[in-house]
Amino acid sequence: AVWPDSISSDTLSDRVADIPSVGDWERPSLEKILSLKPDLIIGHVWQRAQYSLLSEIAPTVLLGTDSRVDYRVDFKENLTYLADILDKGDKASELLANYNMRIEEFRQKLGNGLDNMTVSIVHLNGSQPSVYGPNLVPYAQVLIDAGIPLIPAYKNLKRSKFLSVEALPDWDADVLFVVILQEEESEQLESLSFLQQPIWKNLKAVQDGNVYGVSWAST
């Protein structure tokens, strides 16, 4: 298994260091937001319980960024929608055009290199494995755009679900990515009790050394 040293790091921490905190994302501080005198407030659709209060402070827009609401998250649609609100449509078009160009370059380099290979993605929260359908997570959408051959069970998954340990072989592949949700465990991944179970060690990806741990914060 390959676990990157920076798996628990926040890739955006340097860029947001000077941005003031407005409290927990499930319980934002209305007082702090009010004190900042924003021109626009952007939130998640699942924060609609606070919408009426937030909209009294400033115009408020709630983006569809959470799969618990409609079982679909499209990062391209969110980018375009947000850009339109901010009158940055040209910038969004430029970013998406660059994205599509990089995807096309990757697919050309890939060629037929992965014709006989399968890829799967499993989330690990403590000792509880789970899977999230590709329509729920941006990184899976990128993999599909790039032509990465995801296993049919994963590619056809529409929602998220917990997995029993016994079900893990159904999500095995030539290459397995494990998305780690709890940062405090990232430094001790190899010693987690979950990874010591015989059924885990018998997975093809594990036996072939093709398991890669990635941080949820980086995906």
Protein backbone atom coordinates (compact mmCIF):
# COMPACT_ATOMS: atom_id res chain seq x y z
CA ALA A 1 0.00 0.00 0.00
CA VAL A 2 1.12 3.56 -0.66
CA TRP A 3 0.19 6.25 1.85
CA PRO A 4 1.53 9.74 0.97
CA ASP A 5 3.25 11.67 3.76
CA SER A 6 0.99 14.66 3.19
CA ILE A 7 -2.23 12.68 3.38
CA SER A 8 -3.53 14.63 6.38
CA SER A 9 -2.50 18.05 5.14
CA ASP A 10 -5.00 20.65 4.01
CA THR A 11 -3.96 21.59 0.48
CA LEU A 12 -5.73 24.95 0.78
CA SER A 13 -4.47 25.94 4.24
CA ASP A 14 -1.91 28.45 2.92
CA ARG A 15 -4.43 30.10 0.62
CA VAL A 16 -7.09 30.60 3.28
CA ALA A 17 -4.77 31.53 6.15
CA ASP A 18 -5.87 35.19 6.11
CA ILE A 19 -9.58 34.51 5.63
CA PRO A 20 -11.55 35.03 8.87
CA SER A 21 -13.46 32.07 10.27
CA VAL A 22 -17.24 32.32 10.58
CA GLY A 23 -17.66 29.28 12.82
CA ASP A 24 -18.54 25.66 12.28
CA TRP A 25 -19.94 24.85 8.84
CA GLU A 26 -23.05 23.31 10.39
CA ARG A 27 -23.46 26.18 12.89
CA PRO A 28 -22.06 29.36 11.30
CA SER A 29 -21.76 32.42 13.53
CA LEU A 30 -24.35 34.91 12.31
CA GLU A 31 -22.78 37.59 14.50
CA LYS A 32 -19.36 37.08 12.88
CA ILE A 33 -20.85 37.10 9.39
CA LEU A 34 -22.77 40.28 10.18
CA SER A 35 -19.61 41.98 11.47
CA LEU A 36 -17.82 41.28 8.18
CA LYS A 37 -20.50 43.17 6.20
CA PRO A 38 -20.44 40.83 3.20
CA ASP A 39 -21.79 41.80 -0.22
CA LEU A 40 -22.67 38.17 -0.95
CA ILE A 41 -23.03 35.01 1.15
CA ILE A 42 -22.43 31.60 -0.42
CA GLY A 43 -23.44 28.45 1.42
CA HIS A 44 -24.47 24.84 0.94
CA VAL A 45 -27.99 23.73 0.06
CA TRP A 46 -28.18 21.78 3.30
CA GLN A 47 -27.78 25.07 5.19
CA ARG A 48 -31.17 26.29 3.99
CA ALA A 49 -32.44 26.36 7.59
CA GLN A 50 -30.28 29.48 8.06
CA TYR A 51 -31.18 30.97 4.68
CA SER A 52 -33.77 33.45 5.90
CA LEU A 53 -31.42 34.84 8.56
CA LEU A 54 -28.43 34.94 6.23
CA SER A 55 -30.39 36.67 3.47
CA GLU A 56 -31.22 39.46 5.89
CA ILE A 57 -27.48 40.13 6.21
CA ALA A 58 -26.70 40.04 2.46
CA PRO A 59 -27.88 38.37 -0.77
CA THR A 60 -27.41 34.64 -0.18
CA VAL A 61 -26.84 31.82 -2.64
CA LEU A 62 -26.87 28.14 -1.66
CA LEU A 63 -24.90 25.84 -3.93
CA GLY A 64 -25.72 22.17 -4.54
CA THR A 65 -22.50 20.89 -3.02
CA ASP A 66 -23.84 18.15 -0.80
CA SER A 67 -24.90 14.72 -1.98
CA ARG A 68 -27.32 14.27 0.93
CA VAL A 69 -29.79 16.63 -0.74
CA ASP A 70 -30.28 15.41 -4.30
CA TYR A 71 -27.74 12.58 -4.66
CA ARG A 72 -25.85 14.50 -7.30
CA VAL A 73 -22.93 16.90 -7.17
CA ASP A 74 -21.55 18.36 -10.42
CA PHE A 75 -18.45 20.48 -9.90
CA LYS A 76 -18.65 21.90 -13.43
CA GLU A 77 -22.21 23.08 -12.96
CA ASN A 78 -21.34 24.63 -9.59
CA LEU A 79 -18.34 26.41 -11.09
CA THR A 80 -20.41 27.82 -13.97
CA TYR A 81 -23.28 28.83 -11.69
CA LEU A 82 -20.99 30.59 -9.21
CA ALA A 83 -19.09 32.30 -12.01
CA ASP A 84 -22.33 33.65 -13.46
CA ILE A 85 -23.31 35.08 -10.08
CA LEU A 86 -19.92 36.78 -9.73
CA ASP A 87 -19.91 37.95 -13.36
CA LYS A 88 -16.88 35.74 -14.01
CA GLY A 89 -18.38 33.62 -16.77
CA ASP A 90 -15.39 34.17 -19.07
CA LYS A 91 -13.00 32.95 -16.36
CA ALA A 92 -15.10 29.83 -15.76
CA SER A 93 -15.15 29.10 -19.49
CA GLU A 94 -11.37 29.48 -19.56
CA LEU A 95 -10.92 27.10 -16.62
CA LEU A 96 -13.23 24.47 -18.12
CA ALA A 97 -11.58 24.76 -21.53
CA ASN A 98 -8.18 24.21 -19.88
CA TYR A 99 -9.61 21.28 -17.93
CA ASN A 100 -11.00 19.68 -21.10
CA MET A 101 -7.67 20.21 -22.88
CA ARG A 102 -5.75 18.52 -20.08
CA ILE A 103 -8.25 15.65 -20.04
CA GLU A 104 -7.86 15.18 -23.79
CA GLU A 105 -4.06 15.25 -23.53
CA PHE A 106 -4.20 12.65 -20.76
CA ARG A 107 -6.52 10.39 -22.75
CA GLN A 108 -4.21 10.58 -25.74
CA LYS A 109 -1.20 9.68 -23.60
CA LEU A 110 -3.19 6.92 -21.95
CA GLY A 111 -4.12 5.34 -25.24
CA ASN A 112 -4.90 1.68 -24.66
CA GLY A 113 -2.65 1.47 -21.63
CA LEU A 114 -5.46 0.61 -19.19
CA ASP A 115 -7.54 -1.67 -21.40
CA ASN A 116 -6.89 -4.66 -19.14
CA MET A 117 -6.94 -2.83 -15.82
CA THR A 118 -9.76 -1.96 -13.41
CA VAL A 119 -9.92 0.76 -10.76
CA SER A 120 -12.07 1.04 -7.63
CA ILE A 121 -12.51 3.60 -4.84
CA VAL A 122 -13.46 2.86 -1.23
CA HIS A 123 -13.88 5.32 1.64
CA LEU A 124 -12.62 4.45 5.11
CA ASN A 125 -13.96 6.21 8.18
CA GLY A 126 -12.39 4.52 11.17
CA SER A 127 -13.12 0.83 10.68
CA GLN A 128 -16.20 1.47 8.54
CA PRO A 129 -15.71 1.11 4.78
CA SER A 130 -18.17 2.80 2.43
CA VAL A 131 -18.55 3.73 -1.22
CA TYR A 132 -19.84 6.91 -2.85
CA GLY A 133 -21.33 6.87 -6.33
CA PRO A 134 -19.32 8.79 -8.96
CA ASN A 135 -22.18 11.27 -9.38
CA LEU A 136 -21.57 12.37 -5.78
CA VAL A 137 -17.85 13.13 -5.77
CA PRO A 138 -15.84 15.37 -8.15
CA TYR A 139 -12.76 13.14 -8.23
CA ALA A 140 -14.75 10.22 -9.64
CA GLN A 141 -16.18 12.52 -12.30
CA VAL A 142 -12.62 13.49 -13.24
CA LEU A 143 -11.58 9.83 -13.44
CA ILE A 144 -14.50 9.07 -15.75
CA ASP A 145 -13.69 12.07 -17.96
CA ALA A 146 -10.10 10.85 -18.12
CA GLY A 147 -11.17 7.40 -19.28
CA ILE A 148 -10.04 5.55 -16.16
CA PRO A 149 -11.76 2.11 -16.24
CA LEU A 150 -13.75 2.00 -12.98
CA ILE A 151 -15.27 -1.33 -12.03
CA PRO A 152 -18.94 -1.62 -13.15
CA ALA A 153 -20.24 -1.89 -9.57
CA TYR A 154 -18.69 1.46 -8.71
CA LYS A 155 -19.43 3.22 -11.98
CA ASN A 156 -23.12 2.25 -11.79
CA LEU A 157 -23.53 3.21 -8.12
CA LYS A 158 -26.02 6.06 -7.77
CA ARG A 159 -25.85 6.74 -4.04
CA SER A 160 -23.58 6.03 -1.11
CA LYS A 161 -23.66 3.02 1.16
CA PHE A 162 -21.77 1.38 3.96
CA LEU A 163 -19.96 -1.84 3.20
CA SER A 164 -19.61 -4.88 5.35
CA VAL A 165 -16.15 -6.37 5.47
CA GLU A 166 -17.55 -9.41 3.69
CA ALA A 167 -18.61 -7.22 0.74
CA LEU A 168 -15.12 -5.83 0.10
CA PRO A 169 -14.24 -8.42 -2.58
CA ASP A 170 -17.10 -7.03 -4.70
CA TRP A 171 -15.25 -3.70 -4.79
CA ASP A 172 -11.79 -5.13 -5.43
CA ALA A 173 -9.88 -4.12 -8.56
CA ASP A 174 -6.42 -4.09 -10.07
CA VAL A 175 -5.92 -0.67 -8.48
CA LEU A 176 -7.72 0.40 -5.32
CA PHE A 177 -7.85 3.95 -3.96
CA VAL A 178 -8.75 4.29 -0.28
CA VAL A 179 -10.11 7.71 0.67
CA ILE A 180 -9.33 8.44 4.33
CA LEU A 181 -11.92 10.56 6.15
CA GLN A 182 -10.41 10.87 9.62
CA GLU A 183 -7.19 12.88 9.58
CA GLU A 184 -6.11 11.69 13.02
CA GLU A 185 -5.82 8.16 11.64
CA SER A 186 -3.83 9.04 8.55
CA GLU A 187 -0.45 8.70 10.27
CA GLN A 188 -1.28 5.20 11.52
CA LEU A 189 -2.98 3.74 8.47
CA GLU A 190 -0.90 0.59 8.32
CA SER A 191 -1.81 -0.32 11.92
CA LEU A 192 -5.59 0.18 11.69
CA SER A 193 -7.39 -2.96 12.81
CA PHE A 194 -9.50 -2.84 9.66
CA LEU A 195 -6.41 -3.32 7.52
CA GLN A 196 -5.29 -6.32 9.54
CA GLN A 197 -8.33 -8.44 8.69
CA PRO A 198 -7.72 -11.50 6.47
CA ILE A 199 -10.39 -10.54 3.93
CA TRP A 200 -8.59 -7.21 3.34
CA LYS A 201 -5.22 -8.90 2.91
CA ASN A 202 -6.72 -11.29 0.35
CA LEU A 203 -7.88 -8.54 -2.00
CA LYS A 204 -6.11 -8.60 -5.36
CA ALA A 205 -5.12 -4.94 -5.13
CA VAL A 206 -3.61 -5.51 -1.69
CA GLN A 207 -1.68 -8.60 -2.72
CA ASP A 208 -0.32 -6.84 -5.81
CA GLY A 209 0.66 -3.74 -3.84
CA ASN A 210 -1.71 -1.50 -5.78
CA VAL A 211 -3.53 0.21 -2.91
CA TYR A 212 -3.17 3.99 -2.65
CA GLY A 213 -4.37 6.06 0.29
CA VAL A 214 -5.59 9.58 -0.42
CA SER A 215 -6.90 12.25 1.91
CA TRP A 216 -10.59 13.21 1.70
CA ALA A 217 -9.46 16.83 2.06
CA SER A 218 -7.42 16.55 -1.13
CA THR A 219 -9.98 14.85 -3.37
